[in-house]
N, C-alpha and C. Protein backbone atom coordinates (compact mmCIF):
# COMPACT_ATOMS: atom_id res chain seq x y z
N UNK A 1 91.84 95.61 22.99
CA UNK A 1 92.31 96.28 24.16
C UNK A 1 91.85 97.81 24.13
N UNK A 2 91.21 98.42 24.70
CA UNK A 2 90.73 99.82 24.85
C UNK A 2 91.64 100.45 25.68
N UNK A 3 92.70 100.99 24.89
CA UNK A 3 93.77 101.96 25.40
C UNK A 3 93.11 103.15 26.25
N UNK A 4 92.04 103.51 25.78
CA UNK A 4 91.53 104.94 26.47
C UNK A 4 91.13 104.59 27.91
N UNK A 5 90.99 103.31 27.99
CA UNK A 5 90.37 103.03 29.44
C UNK A 5 91.52 102.31 30.31
N UNK A 6 92.60 102.56 29.79
CA UNK A 6 93.95 101.94 30.55
C UNK A 6 94.08 102.75 31.68
N UNK A 7 94.30 101.98 32.85
CA UNK A 7 94.39 102.65 34.26
C UNK A 7 95.47 102.01 34.77
N UNK A 8 96.35 102.81 35.49
CA UNK A 8 97.42 102.32 36.13
C UNK A 8 97.02 102.10 37.60
N UNK A 9 97.19 101.02 38.39
CA UNK A 9 96.95 100.74 39.63
C UNK A 9 98.25 101.16 40.38
N UNK A 10 97.85 102.32 40.98
CA UNK A 10 99.04 102.92 41.87
C UNK A 10 99.45 102.20 42.81
N UNK A 11 98.64 101.05 43.26
CA UNK A 11 99.14 100.13 44.46
C UNK A 11 100.31 99.18 43.65
N UNK A 12 99.86 98.64 42.67
CA UNK A 12 100.72 97.83 41.86
C UNK A 12 101.89 98.49 41.49
N UNK A 13 101.81 99.86 41.15
CA UNK A 13 102.87 100.61 40.59
C UNK A 13 103.99 100.91 41.78
N UNK A 14 103.47 101.07 43.13
CA UNK A 14 104.26 101.27 44.35
C UNK A 14 105.02 99.79 44.55
N UNK A 15 104.30 98.86 44.54
CA UNK A 15 104.76 97.31 44.77
C UNK A 15 106.16 97.06 43.84
N UNK A 16 105.81 97.56 42.59
CA UNK A 16 106.81 97.42 41.51
C UNK A 16 108.07 98.37 41.75
N UNK A 17 107.85 99.37 42.38
CA UNK A 17 109.00 100.26 42.85
C UNK A 17 109.55 99.55 44.08
N UNK A 18 109.05 98.89 44.84
CA UNK A 18 109.48 98.11 46.07
C UNK A 18 110.43 96.84 45.50
N UNK A 19 109.77 96.27 44.54
CA UNK A 19 110.39 95.13 44.06
C UNK A 19 111.75 95.47 43.06
N UNK A 20 111.75 96.66 42.49
CA UNK A 20 113.00 97.27 41.82
C UNK A 20 114.01 97.64 42.89
N UNK A 21 113.61 97.98 44.07
CA UNK A 21 114.53 98.50 45.18
C UNK A 21 115.14 97.24 45.95
N UNK A 22 114.08 96.27 46.02
CA UNK A 22 114.62 94.93 46.33
C UNK A 22 115.85 94.21 45.58
N UNK A 23 115.38 94.34 44.32
CA UNK A 23 116.44 93.67 43.34
C UNK A 23 117.82 94.43 43.53
N UNK A 24 117.66 95.67 43.72
CA UNK A 24 119.06 96.62 43.59
C UNK A 24 119.74 96.28 44.95
N UNK A 25 119.08 96.21 46.12
CA UNK A 25 119.76 95.78 47.42
C UNK A 25 120.20 94.47 47.26
N UNK A 26 119.54 93.35 46.56
CA UNK A 26 120.07 91.96 46.32
C UNK A 26 121.32 91.89 45.42
N UNK A 27 121.19 92.83 44.32
CA UNK A 27 122.45 92.77 43.62
C UNK A 27 123.67 93.26 44.26
N UNK A 28 123.39 94.21 45.23
CA UNK A 28 124.56 94.98 46.03
C UNK A 28 124.92 93.83 47.39
N UNK A 29 124.26 92.71 47.25
CA UNK A 29 124.26 91.71 48.56
C UNK A 29 124.19 92.51 49.79
N UNK A 30 123.11 93.29 49.71
CA UNK A 30 122.92 94.03 51.22
C UNK A 30 121.55 93.01 51.77
N UNK A 31 121.85 91.96 52.52
CA UNK A 31 120.78 91.23 53.10
C UNK A 31 119.75 91.74 54.08
N UNK A 32 120.57 92.74 54.95
CA UNK A 32 119.73 93.40 55.83
C UNK A 32 118.50 94.36 55.05
N UNK A 33 118.98 95.07 53.90
CA UNK A 33 118.00 96.02 53.33
C UNK A 33 116.89 95.20 52.43
N UNK A 34 117.48 93.76 52.16
CA UNK A 34 116.39 92.98 51.28
C UNK A 34 115.57 92.33 52.55
N UNK A 35 115.83 92.13 53.73
CA UNK A 35 115.00 91.88 54.82
C UNK A 35 114.10 92.65 55.13
N UNK A 36 114.39 93.99 55.00
CA UNK A 36 113.49 95.15 55.38
C UNK A 36 112.44 95.25 54.08
N UNK A 37 113.08 95.01 52.95
CA UNK A 37 111.96 95.27 51.80
C UNK A 37 111.05 94.02 51.83
N UNK A 38 111.47 92.80 52.35
CA UNK A 38 110.55 91.77 52.52
C UNK A 38 109.67 91.89 53.40
N UNK A 39 110.05 92.27 54.52
CA UNK A 39 108.98 92.51 55.73
C UNK A 39 107.97 93.62 55.06
N UNK A 40 108.34 94.59 54.49
CA UNK A 40 107.27 95.81 53.87
C UNK A 40 106.44 95.07 52.85
N UNK A 41 107.01 94.25 51.94
CA UNK A 41 106.18 93.55 50.94
C UNK A 41 105.20 92.55 51.78
N UNK A 42 105.48 91.79 52.51
CA UNK A 42 104.73 90.99 53.19
C UNK A 42 103.36 91.79 54.07
N UNK A 43 103.86 92.81 54.63
CA UNK A 43 102.83 93.79 55.25
C UNK A 43 101.90 94.21 54.38
N UNK A 44 102.38 94.96 53.35
CA UNK A 44 101.40 95.31 52.22
C UNK A 44 100.51 94.22 51.57
N UNK A 45 101.04 93.17 51.29
CA UNK A 45 100.14 92.38 50.96
C UNK A 45 99.08 91.85 51.66
N UNK A 46 99.59 91.50 53.01
CA UNK A 46 98.64 91.16 54.12
C UNK A 46 97.61 92.32 54.25
N UNK A 47 98.03 93.51 54.08
CA UNK A 47 96.84 94.56 54.15
C UNK A 47 95.94 94.59 53.09
N UNK A 48 96.41 94.34 52.04
CA UNK A 48 95.49 94.22 50.82
C UNK A 48 94.75 92.95 50.97
N UNK A 49 95.16 91.79 51.30
CA UNK A 49 94.19 90.71 51.40
C UNK A 49 93.28 91.02 52.69
N UNK A 50 93.49 91.84 53.55
CA UNK A 50 92.70 92.14 54.71
C UNK A 50 91.64 93.12 54.24
N UNK A 51 91.69 93.73 52.98
CA UNK A 51 90.73 94.55 52.45
C UNK A 51 91.18 96.04 52.35
N UNK A 52 92.41 96.36 52.75
CA UNK A 52 92.67 97.96 52.85
C UNK A 52 92.57 98.54 51.38
N UNK A 53 91.99 99.78 51.30
CA UNK A 53 91.94 100.51 50.06
C UNK A 53 93.16 101.00 49.56
N UNK A 54 93.00 101.40 48.26
CA UNK A 54 94.22 102.03 47.66
C UNK A 54 94.38 103.52 48.28
N UNK A 55 93.41 103.91 48.89
CA UNK A 55 93.49 105.29 49.77
C UNK A 55 94.41 105.00 50.96
N UNK A 56 94.42 104.04 51.57
CA UNK A 56 95.25 103.69 52.74
C UNK A 56 96.52 102.93 52.17
N UNK A 57 96.40 102.24 51.19
CA UNK A 57 97.59 101.45 50.69
C UNK A 57 98.76 102.36 49.92
N UNK A 58 98.34 103.00 49.02
CA UNK A 58 99.16 103.83 48.20
C UNK A 58 100.30 104.74 48.84
N UNK A 59 99.56 105.47 49.86
CA UNK A 59 100.61 106.56 50.51
C UNK A 59 101.68 105.40 51.42
N UNK A 60 100.93 104.45 52.01
CA UNK A 60 102.10 103.66 52.78
C UNK A 60 102.91 102.96 51.99
N UNK A 61 102.64 102.50 50.62
CA UNK A 61 103.68 101.49 50.13
C UNK A 61 104.74 102.68 49.39
N UNK A 62 104.00 103.83 49.01
CA UNK A 62 105.14 104.85 48.16
C UNK A 62 106.08 105.24 49.54
N UNK A 63 105.36 105.80 50.57
CA UNK A 63 106.40 106.06 51.62
C UNK A 63 107.25 105.13 52.27
N UNK A 64 107.00 103.97 52.34
CA UNK A 64 107.83 102.75 52.60
C UNK A 64 108.98 102.74 51.65
N UNK A 65 108.79 102.94 50.21
CA UNK A 65 109.98 102.80 49.29
C UNK A 65 110.75 104.10 49.26
N UNK A 66 110.24 105.21 49.86
CA UNK A 66 111.01 106.36 50.02
C UNK A 66 111.83 106.14 51.18
N UNK A 67 111.22 105.86 52.21
CA UNK A 67 111.92 105.61 53.59
C UNK A 67 113.12 104.40 53.45
N UNK A 68 112.90 103.37 52.81
CA UNK A 68 114.01 102.32 52.50
C UNK A 68 115.07 103.11 51.64
N UNK A 69 114.77 103.82 50.87
CA UNK A 69 115.86 104.37 50.09
C UNK A 69 116.50 105.35 51.01
N UNK A 70 115.85 106.12 51.60
CA UNK A 70 116.52 107.21 52.56
C UNK A 70 117.43 106.38 53.53
N UNK A 71 117.07 105.11 53.96
CA UNK A 71 117.76 104.62 55.07
C UNK A 71 118.94 103.91 54.50
N UNK A 72 118.77 103.07 53.14
CA UNK A 72 119.83 102.19 52.99
C UNK A 72 120.69 102.90 51.90
N UNK A 73 120.09 103.97 51.06
CA UNK A 73 120.95 104.59 49.98
C UNK A 73 121.69 105.67 50.26
N UNK A 74 120.70 106.81 51.08
CA UNK A 74 121.14 107.95 51.26
C UNK A 74 120.78 108.56 52.78
N UNK A 75 121.33 107.70 53.84
CA UNK A 75 121.01 107.91 55.40
C UNK A 75 121.41 109.67 55.51
N UNK A 76 120.42 110.32 56.20
CA UNK A 76 120.38 111.61 56.61
C UNK A 76 121.34 111.84 57.71
N UNK A 77 121.69 110.83 58.46
CA UNK A 77 122.41 111.14 59.91
C UNK A 77 123.01 109.80 60.29
N UNK A 78 123.54 110.05 61.47
CA UNK A 78 124.18 108.64 61.91
C UNK A 78 123.09 107.63 62.12
N UNK A 79 123.48 106.17 62.31
CA UNK A 79 122.72 105.09 62.05
C UNK A 79 121.65 105.40 63.32
N UNK A 80 122.11 105.47 64.55
CA UNK A 80 120.94 105.53 65.57
C UNK A 80 119.92 106.60 65.29
N UNK A 81 120.39 107.98 64.85
CA UNK A 81 119.42 109.08 64.58
C UNK A 81 118.54 108.49 63.31
N UNK A 82 119.12 107.78 62.31
CA UNK A 82 118.21 107.48 61.19
C UNK A 82 117.46 106.14 61.58
N UNK A 83 117.87 105.29 62.51
CA UNK A 83 116.79 104.45 63.15
C UNK A 83 115.87 104.99 63.61
N UNK A 84 115.84 106.06 64.55
CA UNK A 84 114.88 106.58 65.26
C UNK A 84 113.72 107.28 64.08
N UNK A 85 114.28 108.01 63.17
CA UNK A 85 113.54 108.59 62.06
C UNK A 85 112.90 107.58 61.48
N UNK A 86 113.57 106.53 60.89
CA UNK A 86 112.97 105.57 60.05
C UNK A 86 111.73 105.03 60.93
N UNK A 87 111.93 104.52 62.23
CA UNK A 87 110.77 103.84 62.68
C UNK A 87 109.53 104.75 63.02
N UNK A 88 110.00 105.92 63.50
CA UNK A 88 108.78 107.26 63.72
C UNK A 88 108.17 107.29 62.42
N UNK A 89 108.93 107.30 61.26
CA UNK A 89 108.08 107.40 59.91
C UNK A 89 107.44 106.42 59.59
N UNK A 90 107.95 105.07 59.83
CA UNK A 90 107.39 103.90 59.42
C UNK A 90 106.17 103.91 59.98
N UNK A 91 106.06 104.29 61.51
CA UNK A 91 104.96 103.96 62.57
C UNK A 91 103.88 105.14 62.01
N UNK A 92 104.36 106.14 61.57
CA UNK A 92 103.45 107.42 61.03
C UNK A 92 102.56 106.73 59.81
N UNK A 93 103.25 106.09 58.88
CA UNK A 93 102.82 105.83 57.65
C UNK A 93 101.64 104.43 57.94
N UNK A 94 102.20 103.59 58.86
CA UNK A 94 101.28 102.53 59.39
C UNK A 94 100.13 103.11 60.19
N UNK A 95 100.37 104.31 60.94
CA UNK A 95 99.30 104.70 61.62
C UNK A 95 98.06 105.19 60.94
N UNK A 96 98.65 105.99 59.71
CA UNK A 96 97.54 106.66 59.00
C UNK A 96 96.87 105.36 58.08
N UNK A 97 97.68 104.36 57.60
CA UNK A 97 96.78 103.42 57.05
C UNK A 97 95.84 102.74 57.84
N UNK A 98 96.31 102.49 58.99
CA UNK A 98 95.19 101.93 59.66
C UNK A 98 94.06 102.58 60.21
N UNK A 99 94.39 104.05 60.55
CA UNK A 99 93.30 105.12 60.72
C UNK A 99 92.28 105.04 59.47
N UNK A 100 92.80 105.08 58.18
CA UNK A 100 91.87 105.06 57.06
C UNK A 100 91.07 103.74 56.89
N UNK A 101 91.84 102.63 57.36
CA UNK A 101 90.97 101.50 57.37
C UNK A 101 89.95 101.40 58.45
N UNK A 102 89.99 101.77 59.69
CA UNK A 102 89.06 101.27 60.83
C UNK A 102 88.17 102.41 60.98
N UNK A 103 88.56 103.74 60.59
CA UNK A 103 87.65 104.83 60.99
C UNK A 103 86.21 104.74 60.24
N UNK A 104 86.29 104.07 59.20
CA UNK A 104 85.12 104.00 58.35
C UNK A 104 84.40 102.67 58.92
N UNK A 105 84.79 101.85 59.76
CA UNK A 105 84.24 100.88 60.26
C UNK A 105 83.74 100.95 61.63
N UNK A 106 84.34 101.80 62.43
CA UNK A 106 84.12 101.88 63.73
C UNK A 106 84.00 103.38 64.16
N UNK A 107 83.46 103.67 65.30
CA UNK A 107 83.13 105.11 65.72
C UNK A 107 84.50 105.37 66.61
N UNK A 108 84.52 106.61 66.92
CA UNK A 108 85.65 107.05 67.60
C UNK A 108 85.06 107.06 69.06
N UNK A 109 85.89 106.51 69.98
CA UNK A 109 87.11 106.41 69.97
C UNK A 109 87.46 104.76 69.86
N UNK A 110 86.66 103.98 69.56
CA UNK A 110 86.92 102.55 69.24
C UNK A 110 87.90 102.85 68.06
N UNK A 111 87.68 103.12 66.95
CA UNK A 111 88.68 103.43 65.98
C UNK A 111 90.22 103.70 66.34
N UNK A 112 90.05 104.83 67.24
CA UNK A 112 91.51 105.28 67.66
C UNK A 112 92.19 104.25 68.29
N UNK A 113 91.57 103.56 69.21
CA UNK A 113 92.22 102.27 69.94
C UNK A 113 92.68 101.18 69.25
N UNK A 114 91.84 101.03 68.13
CA UNK A 114 92.08 99.82 67.43
C UNK A 114 93.25 100.32 66.50
N UNK A 115 93.49 101.55 65.91
CA UNK A 115 94.52 101.71 65.32
C UNK A 115 95.80 101.76 66.00
N UNK A 116 95.80 102.67 67.27
CA UNK A 116 97.02 102.28 68.19
C UNK A 116 97.37 101.00 68.62
N UNK A 117 96.22 100.21 68.83
CA UNK A 117 96.62 98.56 69.04
C UNK A 117 97.54 97.98 67.73
N UNK A 118 96.85 98.27 66.71
CA UNK A 118 97.52 97.71 65.43
C UNK A 118 98.87 98.19 65.18
N UNK A 119 99.20 99.64 65.54
CA UNK A 119 100.53 100.14 65.41
C UNK A 119 101.28 99.52 66.42
N UNK A 120 100.90 99.30 67.55
CA UNK A 120 101.82 98.81 68.55
C UNK A 120 101.99 97.18 68.12
N UNK A 121 101.13 96.62 67.67
CA UNK A 121 101.35 95.28 67.51
C UNK A 121 102.36 94.88 66.37
N UNK A 122 102.19 95.92 65.49
CA UNK A 122 103.13 95.92 64.01
C UNK A 122 104.56 96.27 64.46
N UNK A 123 104.63 97.11 65.40
CA UNK A 123 106.13 97.38 65.72
C UNK A 123 106.75 96.35 66.28
N UNK A 124 106.00 95.76 67.12
CA UNK A 124 106.53 94.56 67.88
C UNK A 124 106.94 93.40 66.93
N UNK A 125 105.91 93.21 66.04
CA UNK A 125 105.85 92.10 64.79
C UNK A 125 107.24 92.47 64.11
N UNK A 126 107.38 93.86 63.58
CA UNK A 126 108.54 94.12 62.88
C UNK A 126 109.77 94.00 63.61
N UNK A 127 109.79 94.08 64.89
CA UNK A 127 111.20 93.59 65.63
C UNK A 127 111.35 92.30 65.54
N UNK A 128 110.25 91.56 65.88
CA UNK A 128 110.51 90.28 65.78
C UNK A 128 111.06 89.84 64.35
N UNK A 129 110.55 90.46 63.16
CA UNK A 129 111.08 90.05 61.95
C UNK A 129 112.53 90.34 61.76
N UNK A 130 112.86 91.57 62.47
CA UNK A 130 114.52 91.88 62.48
C UNK A 130 115.08 90.90 63.21
N UNK A 131 114.66 90.33 64.35
CA UNK A 131 115.26 89.25 65.06
C UNK A 131 115.50 88.12 64.34
N UNK A 132 114.37 87.83 63.81
CA UNK A 132 114.44 86.29 62.96
C UNK A 132 115.67 86.52 61.81
N UNK A 133 115.45 87.63 61.10
CA UNK A 133 116.42 88.18 60.07
C UNK A 133 117.81 88.01 60.44
N UNK A 134 118.05 88.41 61.68
CA UNK A 134 119.41 88.35 62.39
C UNK A 134 119.94 87.14 62.46
N UNK A 135 118.92 86.19 62.88
CA UNK A 135 119.52 84.87 63.24
C UNK A 135 119.53 83.98 61.85
N UNK A 136 118.81 84.28 60.98
CA UNK A 136 118.60 83.54 59.75
C UNK A 136 119.61 83.96 58.71
N UNK A 137 119.79 85.40 58.59
CA UNK A 137 120.54 85.86 57.45
C UNK A 137 122.07 86.40 58.12
N UNK A 138 122.18 86.44 59.50
CA UNK A 138 123.22 86.93 60.32
C UNK A 138 123.34 88.55 59.65
N UNK A 139 122.26 89.30 60.03
CA UNK A 139 122.44 90.79 59.35
C UNK A 139 122.91 91.82 60.61
N UNK A 140 122.59 91.42 61.63
CA UNK A 140 122.91 92.46 62.76
C UNK A 140 122.01 93.71 62.99
N UNK A 141 120.85 93.41 62.51
CA UNK A 141 119.79 94.68 62.47
C UNK A 141 119.50 95.02 63.91
N UNK A 142 119.79 94.18 64.83
CA UNK A 142 119.18 94.48 66.19
C UNK A 142 120.59 94.31 67.02
N UNK A 143 121.11 95.35 67.48
CA UNK A 143 122.42 95.28 68.23
C UNK A 143 122.22 94.92 69.70
N UNK A 144 121.19 95.27 70.15
CA UNK A 144 120.96 95.12 71.59
C UNK A 144 119.43 95.21 71.86
N UNK A 145 119.06 94.76 73.19
CA UNK A 145 117.78 94.98 73.49
C UNK A 145 117.03 96.44 73.64
N UNK A 146 118.03 97.28 74.17
CA UNK A 146 117.73 98.77 74.02
C UNK A 146 117.27 99.55 72.73
N UNK A 147 117.95 98.80 71.68
CA UNK A 147 117.61 99.33 70.21
C UNK A 147 116.46 98.97 69.87
N UNK A 148 115.96 97.64 70.28
CA UNK A 148 114.49 97.28 69.99
C UNK A 148 113.47 97.91 70.74
N UNK A 149 113.83 98.36 71.92
CA UNK A 149 112.84 99.06 72.66
C UNK A 149 112.80 100.43 72.20
N UNK A 150 113.82 100.88 71.73
CA UNK A 150 113.56 102.31 71.12
C UNK A 150 112.95 102.24 69.87
N UNK A 151 113.33 101.17 68.99
CA UNK A 151 112.57 101.13 67.81
C UNK A 151 111.03 100.98 67.60
N UNK A 152 110.76 100.15 68.96
CA UNK A 152 109.16 100.14 69.23
C UNK A 152 108.78 101.25 69.71
N UNK A 153 109.39 102.09 70.65
CA UNK A 153 108.89 103.40 71.08
C UNK A 153 108.71 104.35 70.07
N UNK A 154 109.57 104.63 69.26
CA UNK A 154 109.52 105.44 68.03
C UNK A 154 108.40 105.15 66.86
N UNK A 155 108.34 103.83 66.72
CA UNK A 155 107.45 103.54 65.77
C UNK A 155 105.87 103.74 66.46
N UNK A 156 105.87 103.51 67.66
CA UNK A 156 104.69 103.62 68.24
C UNK A 156 104.30 105.32 68.47
N UNK A 157 105.03 105.98 68.71
CA UNK A 157 105.00 107.40 68.68
C UNK A 157 104.42 107.92 67.50
N UNK A 158 105.27 107.34 66.46
CA UNK A 158 104.72 107.97 65.07
C UNK A 158 103.50 107.52 64.62
N UNK A 159 103.01 106.38 65.04
CA UNK A 159 101.56 105.85 64.50
C UNK A 159 100.61 106.63 65.74
N UNK A 160 101.02 106.83 66.69
CA UNK A 160 100.13 107.76 67.64
C UNK A 160 99.85 109.06 67.22
N UNK A 161 100.82 109.53 66.62
CA UNK A 161 100.84 111.18 65.98
C UNK A 161 99.94 111.06 64.71
N UNK A 162 99.90 110.16 63.84
CA UNK A 162 99.09 110.12 62.83
C UNK A 162 97.54 109.59 63.09
N UNK A 163 97.65 108.77 64.18
CA UNK A 163 96.16 108.65 64.51
C UNK A 163 95.46 109.50 65.10
N UNK A 164 96.20 110.53 65.95
CA UNK A 164 95.58 111.92 66.26
C UNK A 164 95.46 112.69 65.20
N UNK A 165 96.28 112.76 64.18
CA UNK A 165 96.03 113.75 63.00
C UNK A 165 94.83 113.26 62.24
N UNK A 166 94.65 111.88 62.27
CA UNK A 166 93.72 111.45 61.42
C UNK A 166 92.17 111.61 62.07
N UNK A 167 92.05 111.66 63.49
CA UNK A 167 91.04 112.07 64.23
C UNK A 167 90.99 113.50 64.04
N UNK A 168 92.05 114.39 64.16
CA UNK A 168 91.68 116.00 63.89
C UNK A 168 91.01 116.37 62.29
N UNK A 169 91.55 115.43 61.36
CA UNK A 169 91.27 115.63 60.11
C UNK A 169 89.63 115.23 60.02
N UNK A 170 89.23 114.34 60.62
CA UNK A 170 87.97 113.54 60.48
C UNK A 170 87.03 114.44 61.49
N UNK A 171 87.47 114.94 62.57
CA UNK A 171 86.80 116.07 63.26
C UNK A 171 86.60 117.17 62.60
N UNK A 172 87.51 117.92 61.79
CA UNK A 172 87.53 119.16 61.10
C UNK A 172 86.68 119.00 60.14
N UNK A 173 86.65 117.78 59.22
CA UNK A 173 85.67 117.58 58.12
C UNK A 173 84.36 117.34 58.57
N UNK A 174 83.86 116.92 59.78
CA UNK A 174 82.61 116.80 60.36
C UNK A 174 81.80 117.98 60.83
N UNK A 175 82.80 119.14 61.56
CA UNK A 175 82.47 120.47 61.66
C UNK A 175 82.20 121.28 60.58
N UNK A 176 82.94 121.02 59.54
CA UNK A 176 82.58 121.89 58.30
C UNK A 176 81.28 121.56 57.71
N UNK A 177 80.86 120.22 57.67
CA UNK A 177 79.56 119.77 57.19
C UNK A 177 78.42 120.29 58.28
N UNK A 178 78.49 120.37 59.46
CA UNK A 178 77.59 120.68 60.48
C UNK A 178 76.71 121.98 60.01
N UNK A 179 75.33 122.03 60.10
CA UNK A 179 74.89 123.34 59.79
C UNK A 179 75.17 124.33 60.73
């Protein structure tokens, strides 16, 4: 084994951090946090299987680990505010990853619409995951329909913000290359 060529896969490292966090939640018997980690893990593996690059996945995975830590270990505010912050930030991370994935495959505005549609779809899918978790594990993640609607709104808003940011950074990079 040539140690001088040893490289750490940052995506695998971030998945390892997520696995450690999941194990700590499992040890603390926090089934709601374990469910959230499982949803994140499934999404990250699905994205890898779909061909997302490390450039898209490493910030997403690392951001989700920090976000899960913030929500379940050290919440910054009341549960309602923390939920809004978490869904906005999660949507923003997903919006960035989707933008990274589709903007090299499609032209603007198609990639923007595709990324926004993906964010909206994933926020709805996330809420369905929470609903199923509530039924199977009796976690109480969705207290009412209004909470789900707000979660979808804030997740979509965060995703839209980073899709716009991705567009601005792409446009800015193009204008600097122009003669």
